[in-house]
Amino acid sequence: GSLRLSCAVSGASGRTFSSYAMGWFRQAPGKEREFVAAV
């Protein structure tokens, strides 16, 4: 199946959304957090 995750960004005082590189990470039970993707 499929899912689409969203991440809403707010509170960037003096900065715009375009000022940030963004990433997704994940952590499975009993495992360390790992990189998934970035933009």
PDB file of all heavy atoms in Angstrom:
ATOM      1  N   GLY A   1       0.801  -1.209   0.000  1.00  0.00           N
ATOM      2  CA  GLY A   1       0.000   0.000   0.000  1.00  0.00           C
ATOM      3  C   GLY A   1       0.838   1.265   0.000  1.00  0.00           C
ATOM      4  O   GLY A   1       2.075   1.216  -0.071  1.00  0.00           O
ATOM      5  N   SER A   2       0.149   2.404   0.099  1.00  0.00           N
ATOM      6  CA  SER A   2       0.805   3.710   0.031  1.00  0.00           C
ATOM      7  C   SER A   2       0.323   4.615   1.156  1.00  0.00           C
ATOM      8  O   SER A   2      -0.801   4.478   1.648  1.00  0.00           O
ATOM      9  CB  SER A   2       0.512   4.391  -1.308  1.00  0.00           C
ATOM     10  OG  SER A   2       1.004   3.636  -2.392  1.00  0.00           O
ATOM     11  N   LEU A   3       1.184   5.523   1.534  1.00  0.00           N
ATOM     12  CA  LEU A   3       0.856   6.601   2.460  1.00  0.00           C
ATOM     13  C   LEU A   3       1.613   7.847   2.020  1.00  0.00           C
ATOM     14  O   LEU A   3       2.695   7.743   1.422  1.00  0.00           O
ATOM     15  CB  LEU A   3       1.263   6.256   3.892  1.00  0.00           C
ATOM     16  CG  LEU A   3       0.412   5.271   4.690  1.00  0.00           C
ATOM     17  CD1 LEU A   3       1.103   4.960   6.019  1.00  0.00           C
ATOM     18  CD2 LEU A   3      -0.973   5.810   4.930  1.00  0.00           C
ATOM     19  N   ARG A   4       1.061   9.001   2.357  1.00  0.00           N
ATOM     20  CA  ARG A   4       1.781  10.255   2.139  1.00  0.00           C
ATOM     21  C   ARG A   4       1.892  10.986   3.469  1.00  0.00           C
ATOM     22  O   ARG A   4       0.880  11.350   4.073  1.00  0.00           O
ATOM     23  CB  ARG A   4       1.091  11.155   1.123  1.00  0.00           C
ATOM     24  CG  ARG A   4       1.958  12.357   0.764  1.00  0.00           C
ATOM     25  CD  ARG A   4       1.348  13.245  -0.291  1.00  0.00           C
ATOM     26  NE  ARG A   4       0.303  14.126   0.225  1.00  0.00           N
ATOM     27  CZ  ARG A   4      -0.089  15.256  -0.343  1.00  0.00           C
ATOM     28  NH1 ARG A   4       0.492  15.651  -1.484  1.00  0.00           N
ATOM     29  NH2 ARG A   4      -1.060  15.972   0.173  1.00  0.00           N
ATOM     30  N   LEU A   5       3.112  11.175   3.894  1.00  0.00           N
ATOM     31  CA  LEU A   5       3.378  11.934   5.116  1.00  0.00           C
ATOM     32  C   LEU A   5       3.530  13.412   4.776  1.00  0.00           C
ATOM     33  O   LEU A   5       4.073  13.768   3.736  1.00  0.00           O
ATOM     34  CB  LEU A   5       4.640  11.432   5.808  1.00  0.00           C
ATOM     35  CG  LEU A   5       4.694   9.936   6.142  1.00  0.00           C
ATOM     36  CD1 LEU A   5       5.983   9.636   6.917  1.00  0.00           C
ATOM     37  CD2 LEU A   5       3.475   9.496   6.905  1.00  0.00           C
ATOM     38  N   SER A   6       3.071  14.246   5.691  1.00  0.00           N
ATOM     39  CA  SER A   6       3.221  15.691   5.540  1.00  0.00           C
ATOM     40  C   SER A   6       3.941  16.251   6.760  1.00  0.00           C
ATOM     41  O   SER A   6       3.801  15.724   7.862  1.00  0.00           O
ATOM     42  CB  SER A   6       1.855  16.370   5.412  1.00  0.00           C
ATOM     43  OG  SER A   6       1.134  15.899   4.301  1.00  0.00           O
ATOM     44  N   CYS A   7       4.666  17.330   6.539  1.00  0.00           N
ATOM     45  CA  CYS A   7       5.341  18.019   7.630  1.00  0.00           C
ATOM     46  C   CYS A   7       5.139  19.512   7.427  1.00  0.00           C
ATOM     47  O   CYS A   7       5.693  20.098   6.493  1.00  0.00           O
ATOM     48  CB  CYS A   7       6.819  17.678   7.656  1.00  0.00           C
ATOM     49  SG  CYS A   7       7.778  18.635   8.847  1.00  0.00           S
ATOM     50  N   ALA A   8       4.336  20.110   8.279  1.00  0.00           N
ATOM     51  CA  ALA A   8       4.057  21.535   8.196  1.00  0.00           C
ATOM     52  C   ALA A   8       5.079  22.307   9.011  1.00  0.00           C
ATOM     53  O   ALA A   8       5.338  21.977  10.171  1.00  0.00           O
ATOM     54  CB  ALA A   8       2.649  21.813   8.698  1.00  0.00           C
ATOM     55  N   VAL A   9       5.633  23.346   8.404  1.00  0.00           N
ATOM     56  CA  VAL A   9       6.689  24.146   9.019  1.00  0.00           C
ATOM     57  C   VAL A   9       6.133  25.514   9.396  1.00  0.00           C
ATOM     58  O   VAL A   9       5.509  26.185   8.568  1.00  0.00           O
ATOM     59  CB  VAL A   9       7.869  24.307   8.060  1.00  0.00           C
ATOM     60  CG1 VAL A   9       8.978  25.130   8.711  1.00  0.00           C
ATOM     61  CG2 VAL A   9       8.403  22.946   7.636  1.00  0.00           C
ATOM     62  N   SER A  10       6.384  25.939  10.629  1.00  0.00           N
ATOM     63  CA  SER A  10       5.907  27.247  11.076  1.00  0.00           C
ATOM     64  C   SER A  10       6.883  27.839  12.085  1.00  0.00           C
ATOM     65  O   SER A  10       7.786  27.159  12.570  1.00  0.00           O
ATOM     66  CB  SER A  10       4.517  27.118  11.712  1.00  0.00           C
ATOM     67  OG  SER A  10       4.580  26.306  12.868  1.00  0.00           O
ATOM     68  N   GLY A  11       6.677  29.136  12.378  1.00  0.00           N
ATOM     69  CA  GLY A  11       7.472  29.788  13.400  1.00  0.00           C
ATOM     70  C   GLY A  11       8.869  30.169  12.978  1.00  0.00           C
ATOM     71  O   GLY A  11       9.730  30.408  13.816  1.00  0.00           O
ATOM     72  N   ALA A  12       9.097  30.251  11.675  1.00  0.00           N
ATOM     73  CA  ALA A  12      10.433  30.593  11.178  1.00  0.00           C
ATOM     74  C   ALA A  12      10.618  32.107  11.229  1.00  0.00           C
ATOM     75  O   ALA A  12      10.522  32.776  10.218  1.00  0.00           O
ATOM     76  CB  ALA A  12      10.600  30.074   9.760  1.00  0.00           C
ATOM     77  N   SER A  13      10.910  32.626  12.398  1.00  0.00           N
ATOM     78  CA  SER A  13      11.028  34.064  12.580  1.00  0.00           C
ATOM     79  C   SER A  13      12.128  34.633  11.702  1.00  0.00           C
ATOM     80  O   SER A  13      13.295  34.281  11.825  1.00  0.00           O
ATOM     81  CB  SER A  13      11.312  34.366  14.059  1.00  0.00           C
ATOM     82  OG  SER A  13      11.498  35.741  14.260  1.00  0.00           O
ATOM     83  N   GLY A  14      11.757  35.549  10.818  1.00  0.00           N
ATOM     84  CA  GLY A  14      12.736  36.190   9.965  1.00  0.00           C
ATOM     85  C   GLY A  14      13.242  35.334   8.830  1.00  0.00           C
ATOM     86  O   GLY A  14      14.100  35.763   8.063  1.00  0.00           O
ATOM     87  N   ARG A  15      12.743  34.142   8.709  1.00  0.00           N
ATOM     88  CA  ARG A  15      13.190  33.237   7.660  1.00  0.00           C
ATOM     89  C   ARG A  15      11.979  32.673   6.931  1.00  0.00           C
ATOM     90  O   ARG A  15      10.893  32.578   7.483  1.00  0.00           O
ATOM     91  CB  ARG A  15      14.005  32.076   8.247  1.00  0.00           C
ATOM     92  CG  ARG A  15      15.214  32.506   9.057  1.00  0.00           C
ATOM     93  CD  ARG A  15      15.860  31.299   9.702  1.00  0.00           C
ATOM     94  NE  ARG A  15      16.531  30.473   8.705  1.00  0.00           N
ATOM     95  CZ  ARG A  15      17.838  30.482   8.510  1.00  0.00           C
ATOM     96  NH1 ARG A  15      18.610  31.269   9.226  1.00  0.00           N
ATOM     97  NH2 ARG A  15      18.390  29.686   7.604  1.00  0.00           N
ATOM     98  N   THR A  16      12.203  32.277   5.700  1.00  0.00           N
ATOM     99  CA  THR A  16      11.136  31.650   4.929  1.00  0.00           C
ATOM    100  C   THR A  16      11.354  30.143   4.884  1.00  0.00           C
ATOM    101  O   THR A  16      12.432  29.639   5.207  1.00  0.00           O
ATOM    102  CB  THR A  16      11.098  32.199   3.497  1.00  0.00           C
ATOM    103  OG1 THR A  16      12.319  31.813   2.831  1.00  0.00           O
ATOM    104  CG2 THR A  16      10.992  33.714   3.494  1.00  0.00           C
ATOM    105  N   PHE A  17      10.319  29.439   4.448  1.00  0.00           N
ATOM    106  CA  PHE A  17      10.395  27.985   4.325  1.00  0.00           C
ATOM    107  C   PHE A  17      11.547  27.591   3.415  1.00  0.00           C
ATOM    108  O   PHE A  17      12.221  26.581   3.627  1.00  0.00           O
ATOM    109  CB  PHE A  17       9.060  27.468   3.789  1.00  0.00           C
ATOM    110  CG  PHE A  17       9.021  25.998   3.534  1.00  0.00           C
ATOM    111  CD1 PHE A  17       9.279  25.088   4.540  1.00  0.00           C
ATOM    112  CD2 PHE A  17       8.706  25.512   2.274  1.00  0.00           C
ATOM    113  CE1 PHE A  17       9.231  23.725   4.306  1.00  0.00           C
ATOM    114  CE2 PHE A  17       8.657  24.156   2.016  1.00  0.00           C
ATOM    115  CZ  PHE A  17       8.917  23.250   3.042  1.00  0.00           C
ATOM    116  N   SER A  18      11.799  28.385   2.390  1.00  0.00           N
ATOM    117  CA  SER A  18      12.870  28.086   1.444  1.00  0.00           C
ATOM    118  C   SER A  18      14.258  28.229   2.054  1.00  0.00           C
ATOM    119  O   SER A  18      15.249  27.886   1.417  1.00  0.00           O
ATOM    120  CB  SER A  18      12.757  28.998   0.222  1.00  0.00           C
ATOM    121  OG  SER A  18      11.538  28.781  -0.455  1.00  0.00           O
ATOM    122  N   SER A  19      14.338  28.732   3.267  1.00  0.00           N
ATOM    123  CA  SER A  19      15.626  28.868   3.947  1.00  0.00           C
ATOM    124  C   SER A  19      16.122  27.550   4.525  1.00  0.00           C
ATOM    125  O   SER A  19      17.268  27.477   4.974  1.00  0.00           O
ATOM    126  CB  SER A  19      15.509  29.875   5.094  1.00  0.00           C
ATOM    127  OG  SER A  19      15.129  31.152   4.635  1.00  0.00           O
ATOM    128  N   TYR A  20      15.265  26.536   4.534  1.00  0.00           N
ATOM    129  CA  TYR A  20      15.588  25.288   5.214  1.00  0.00           C
ATOM    130  C   TYR A  20      15.696  24.121   4.245  1.00  0.00           C
ATOM    131  O   TYR A  20      14.813  23.911   3.409  1.00  0.00           O
ATOM    132  CB  TYR A  20      14.518  24.951   6.252  1.00  0.00           C
ATOM    133  CG  TYR A  20      14.353  26.004   7.322  1.00  0.00           C
ATOM    134  CD1 TYR A  20      13.448  27.043   7.160  1.00  0.00           C
ATOM    135  CD2 TYR A  20      15.118  25.955   8.476  1.00  0.00           C
ATOM    136  CE1 TYR A  20      13.316  28.013   8.136  1.00  0.00           C
ATOM    137  CE2 TYR A  20      14.982  26.922   9.455  1.00  0.00           C
ATOM    138  CZ  TYR A  20      14.077  27.950   9.274  1.00  0.00           C
ATOM    139  OH  TYR A  20      13.944  28.899  10.241  1.00  0.00           O
ATOM    140  N   ALA A  21      16.766  23.348   4.389  1.00  0.00           N
ATOM    141  CA  ALA A  21      16.778  22.017   3.813  1.00  0.00           C
ATOM    142  C   ALA A  21      15.948  21.133   4.745  1.00  0.00           C
ATOM    143  O   ALA A  21      15.962  21.328   5.962  1.00  0.00           O
ATOM    144  CB  ALA A  21      18.194  21.479   3.704  1.00  0.00           C
ATOM    145  N   MET A  22      15.247  20.182   4.178  1.00  0.00           N
ATOM    146  CA  MET A  22      14.335  19.354   4.968  1.00  0.00           C
ATOM    147  C   MET A  22      14.690  17.878   4.810  1.00  0.00           C
ATOM    148  O   MET A  22      15.189  17.444   3.763  1.00  0.00           O
ATOM    149  CB  MET A  22      12.897  19.580   4.505  1.00  0.00           C
ATOM    150  CG  MET A  22      12.423  21.029   4.601  1.00  0.00           C
ATOM    151  SD  MET A  22      12.388  21.649   6.280  1.00  0.00           S
ATOM    152  CE  MET A  22      11.201  20.550   7.037  1.00  0.00           C
ATOM    153  N   GLY A  23      14.392  17.123   5.843  1.00  0.00           N
ATOM    154  CA  GLY A  23      14.681  15.696   5.778  1.00  0.00           C
ATOM    155  C   GLY A  23      13.647  14.868   6.510  1.00  0.00           C
ATOM    156  O   GLY A  23      12.899  15.380   7.350  1.00  0.00           O
ATOM    157  N   TRP A  24      13.618  13.596   6.147  1.00  0.00           N
ATOM    158  CA  TRP A  24      12.796  12.609   6.843  1.00  0.00           C
ATOM    159  C   TRP A  24      13.719  11.521   7.396  1.00  0.00           C
ATOM    160  O   TRP A  24      14.622  11.040   6.689  1.00  0.00           O
ATOM    161  CB  TRP A  24      11.773  11.972   5.910  1.00  0.00           C
ATOM    162  CG  TRP A  24      10.608  12.848   5.559  1.00  0.00           C
ATOM    163  CD1 TRP A  24      10.468  13.610   4.445  1.00  0.00           C
ATOM    164  CD2 TRP A  24       9.427  13.045   6.326  1.00  0.00           C
ATOM    165  NE1 TRP A  24       9.277  14.277   4.468  1.00  0.00           N
ATOM    166  CE2 TRP A  24       8.605  13.943   5.621  1.00  0.00           C
ATOM    167  CE3 TRP A  24       8.973  12.542   7.560  1.00  0.00           C
ATOM    168  CZ2 TRP A  24       7.360  14.363   6.092  1.00  0.00           C
ATOM    169  CZ3 TRP A  24       7.732  12.950   8.025  1.00  0.00           C
ATOM    170  CH2 TRP A  24       6.944  13.852   7.294  1.00  0.00           C
ATOM    171  N   PHE A  25      13.477  11.145   8.626  1.00  0.00           N
ATOM    172  CA  PHE A  25      14.190  10.061   9.291  1.00  0.00           C
ATOM    173  C   PHE A  25      13.147   9.108   9.875  1.00  0.00           C
ATOM    174  O   PHE A  25      11.977   9.465   9.995  1.00  0.00           O
ATOM    175  CB  PHE A  25      15.081  10.598  10.408  1.00  0.00           C
ATOM    176  CG  PHE A  25      16.240  11.413   9.914  1.00  0.00           C
ATOM    177  CD1 PHE A  25      16.070  12.728   9.505  1.00  0.00           C
ATOM    178  CD2 PHE A  25      17.517  10.867   9.864  1.00  0.00           C
ATOM    179  CE1 PHE A  25      17.141  13.476   9.036  1.00  0.00           C
ATOM    180  CE2 PHE A  25      18.599  11.616   9.404  1.00  0.00           C
ATOM    181  CZ  PHE A  25      18.401  12.923   8.999  1.00  0.00           C
ATOM    182  N   ARG A  26      13.581   7.920  10.257  1.00  0.00           N
ATOM    183  CA  ARG A  26      12.655   6.992  10.901  1.00  0.00           C
ATOM    184  C   ARG A  26      13.379   6.173  11.961  1.00  0.00           C
ATOM    185  O   ARG A  26      14.590   5.978  11.885  1.00  0.00           O
ATOM    186  CB  ARG A  26      12.015   6.067   9.864  1.00  0.00           C
ATOM    187  CG  ARG A  26      12.973   5.090   9.203  1.00  0.00           C
ATOM    188  CD  ARG A  26      12.251   4.327   8.084  1.00  0.00           C
ATOM    189  NE  ARG A  26      13.131   3.353   7.447  1.00  0.00           N
ATOM    190  CZ  ARG A  26      12.793   2.633   6.379  1.00  0.00           C
ATOM    191  NH1 ARG A  26      11.592   2.787   5.829  1.00  0.00           N
ATOM    192  NH2 ARG A  26      13.645   1.761   5.872  1.00  0.00           N
ATOM    193  N   GLN A  27      12.603   5.704  12.918  1.00  0.00           N
ATOM    194  CA  GLN A  27      13.149   4.871  13.980  1.00  0.00           C
ATOM    195  C   GLN A  27      12.205   3.719  14.239  1.00  0.00           C
ATOM    196  O   GLN A  27      11.053   3.931  14.657  1.00  0.00           O
ATOM    197  CB  GLN A  27      13.367   5.677  15.254  1.00  0.00           C
ATOM    198  CG  GLN A  27      14.067   4.890  16.347  1.00  0.00           C
ATOM    199  CD  GLN A  27      14.535   5.774  17.484  1.00  0.00           C
ATOM    200  OE1 GLN A  27      14.046   6.889  17.673  1.00  0.00           O
ATOM    201  NE2 GLN A  27      15.516   5.303  18.242  1.00  0.00           N
ATOM    202  N   ALA A  28      12.684   2.528  13.986  1.00  0.00           N
ATOM    203  CA  ALA A  28      11.915   1.320  14.251  1.00  0.00           C
ATOM    204  C   ALA A  28      12.171   0.869  15.690  1.00  0.00           C
ATOM    205  O   ALA A  28      13.211   1.210  16.273  1.00  0.00           O
ATOM    206  CB  ALA A  28      12.310   0.224  13.270  1.00  0.00           C
ATOM    207  N   PRO A  29      11.270   0.103  16.269  1.00  0.00           N
ATOM    208  CA  PRO A  29      11.454  -0.361  17.650  1.00  0.00           C
ATOM    209  C   PRO A  29      12.768  -1.105  17.819  1.00  0.00           C
ATOM    210  O   PRO A  29      13.094  -1.998  17.027  1.00  0.00           O
ATOM    211  CB  PRO A  29      10.257  -1.293  17.864  1.00  0.00           C
ATOM    212  CG  PRO A  29       9.226  -0.801  16.930  1.00  0.00           C
ATOM    213  CD  PRO A  29       9.973  -0.329  15.720  1.00  0.00           C
ATOM    214  N   GLY A  30      13.526  -0.706  18.825  1.00  0.00           N
ATOM    215  CA  GLY A  30      14.777  -1.381  19.117  1.00  0.00           C
ATOM    216  C   GLY A  30      15.925  -1.017  18.201  1.00  0.00           C
ATOM    217  O   GLY A  30      17.013  -1.588  18.316  1.00  0.00           O
ATOM    218  N   LYS A  31      15.700  -0.057  17.311  1.00  0.00           N
ATOM    219  CA  LYS A  31      16.747   0.335  16.377  1.00  0.00           C
ATOM    220  C   LYS A  31      17.050   1.822  16.506  1.00  0.00           C
ATOM    221  O   LYS A  31      16.257   2.586  17.051  1.00  0.00           O
ATOM    222  CB  LYS A  31      16.336   0.013  14.937  1.00  0.00           C
ATOM    223  CG  LYS A  31      16.181  -1.476  14.668  1.00  0.00           C
ATOM    224  CD  LYS A  31      15.920  -1.730  13.200  1.00  0.00           C
ATOM    225  CE  LYS A  31      15.851  -3.218  12.898  1.00  0.00           C
ATOM    226  NZ  LYS A  31      15.632  -3.480  11.446  1.00  0.00           N
ATOM    227  N   GLU A  32      18.182   2.227  15.945  1.00  0.00           N
ATOM    228  CA  GLU A  32      18.540   3.635  15.957  1.00  0.00           C
ATOM    229  C   GLU A  32      17.778   4.382  14.848  1.00  0.00           C
ATOM    230  O   GLU A  32      17.373   3.799  13.851  1.00  0.00           O
ATOM    231  CB  GLU A  32      20.044   3.798  15.763  1.00  0.00           C
ATOM    232  CG  GLU A  32      20.866   3.244  16.904  1.00  0.00           C
ATOM    233  CD  GLU A  32      22.348   3.558  16.747  1.00  0.00           C
ATOM    234  OE1 GLU A  32      22.728   4.051  15.671  1.00  0.00           O
ATOM    235  OE2 GLU A  32      23.108   3.290  17.696  1.00  0.00           O
ATOM    236  N   ARG A  33      17.644   5.677  15.058  1.00  0.00           N
ATOM    237  CA  ARG A  33      17.005   6.493  14.038  1.00  0.00           C
ATOM    238  C   ARG A  33      17.903   6.545  12.798  1.00  0.00           C
ATOM    239  O   ARG A  33      19.129   6.675  12.912  1.00  0.00           O
ATOM    240  CB  ARG A  33      16.751   7.901  14.587  1.00  0.00           C
ATOM    241  CG  ARG A  33      15.897   8.759  13.690  1.00  0.00           C
ATOM    242  CD  ARG A  33      15.276   9.915  14.448  1.00  0.00           C
ATOM    243  NE  ARG A  33      16.257  10.758  15.091  1.00  0.00           N
ATOM    244  CZ  ARG A  33      15.956  11.794  15.880  1.00  0.00           C
ATOM    245  NH1 ARG A  33      14.691  12.081  16.112  1.00  0.00           N
ATOM    246  NH2 ARG A  33      16.910  12.519  16.413  1.00  0.00           N
ATOM    247  N   GLU A  34      17.283   6.447  11.624  1.00  0.00           N
ATOM    248  CA  GLU A  34      18.053   6.401  10.392  1.00  0.00           C
ATOM    249  C   GLU A  34      17.503   7.382   9.362  1.00  0.00           C
ATOM    250  O   GLU A  34      16.327   7.742   9.368  1.00  0.00           O
ATOM    251  CB  GLU A  34      18.034   4.983   9.804  1.00  0.00           C
ATOM    252  CG  GLU A  34      16.664   4.490   9.390  1.00  0.00           C
ATOM    253  CD  GLU A  34      16.710   3.124   8.727  1.00  0.00           C
ATOM    254  OE1 GLU A  34      17.779   2.504   8.666  1.00  0.00           O
ATOM    255  OE2 GLU A  34      15.638   2.670   8.254  1.00  0.00           O
ATOM    256  N   PHE A  35      18.378   7.764   8.460  1.00  0.00           N
ATOM    257  CA  PHE A  35      18.031   8.669   7.370  1.00  0.00           C
ATOM    258  C   PHE A  35      17.113   7.978   6.382  1.00  0.00           C
ATOM    259  O   PHE A  35      17.304   6.801   6.057  1.00  0.00           O
ATOM    260  CB  PHE A  35      19.312   9.126   6.683  1.00  0.00           C
ATOM    261  CG  PHE A  35      19.096   9.867   5.389  1.00  0.00           C
ATOM    262  CD1 PHE A  35      18.706  11.201   5.408  1.00  0.00           C
ATOM    263  CD2 PHE A  35      19.282   9.246   4.176  1.00  0.00           C
ATOM    264  CE1 PHE A  35      18.517  11.894   4.220  1.00  0.00           C
ATOM    265  CE2 PHE A  35      19.096   9.926   2.979  1.00  0.00           C
ATOM    266  CZ  PHE A  35      18.711  11.250   3.009  1.00  0.00           C
ATOM    267  N   VAL A  36      16.113   8.712   5.869  1.00  0.00           N
ATOM    268  CA  VAL A  36      15.219   8.192   4.837  1.00  0.00           C
ATOM    269  C   VAL A  36      15.382   8.993   3.550  1.00  0.00           C
ATOM    270  O   VAL A  36      15.654   8.433   2.489  1.00  0.00           O
ATOM    271  CB  VAL A  36      13.746   8.238   5.302  1.00  0.00           C
ATOM    272  CG1 VAL A  36      12.813   7.803   4.173  1.00  0.00           C
ATOM    273  CG2 VAL A  36      13.542   7.381   6.533  1.00  0.00           C
ATOM    274  N   ALA A  37      15.200  10.311   3.640  1.00  0.00           N
ATOM    275  CA  ALA A  37      15.271  11.153   2.451  1.00  0.00           C
ATOM    276  C   ALA A  37      15.469  12.598   2.868  1.00  0.00           C
ATOM    277  O   ALA A  37      15.171  12.962   4.008  1.00  0.00           O
ATOM    278  CB  ALA A  37      14.000  11.023   1.611  1.00  0.00           C
ATOM    279  N   ALA A  38      15.955  13.411   1.945  1.00  0.00           N
ATOM    280  CA  ALA A  38      16.128  14.831   2.206  1.00  0.00           C
ATOM    281  C   ALA A  38      15.902  15.604   0.913  1.00  0.00           C
ATOM    282  O   ALA A  38      15.966  15.044  -0.188  1.00  0.00           O
ATOM    283  CB  ALA A  38      17.519  15.120   2.775  1.00  0.00           C
ATOM    284  N   VAL A  39      15.640  16.898   1.073  1.00  0.00           N
ATOM    285  CA  VAL A  39      15.478  17.771  -0.082  1.00  0.00           C
ATOM    286  C   VAL A  39      16.185  19.084   0.221  1.00  0.00           C
ATOM    287  O   VAL A  39      16.075  19.630   1.321  1.00  0.00           O
ATOM    288  CB  VAL A  39      13.976  17.983  -0.420  1.00  0.00           C
ATOM    289  CG1 VAL A  39      13.210  18.561   0.749  1.00  0.00           C
ATOM    290  CG2 VAL A  39      13.825  18.832  -1.664  1.00  0.00           C
TER     291      VAL A  39
END
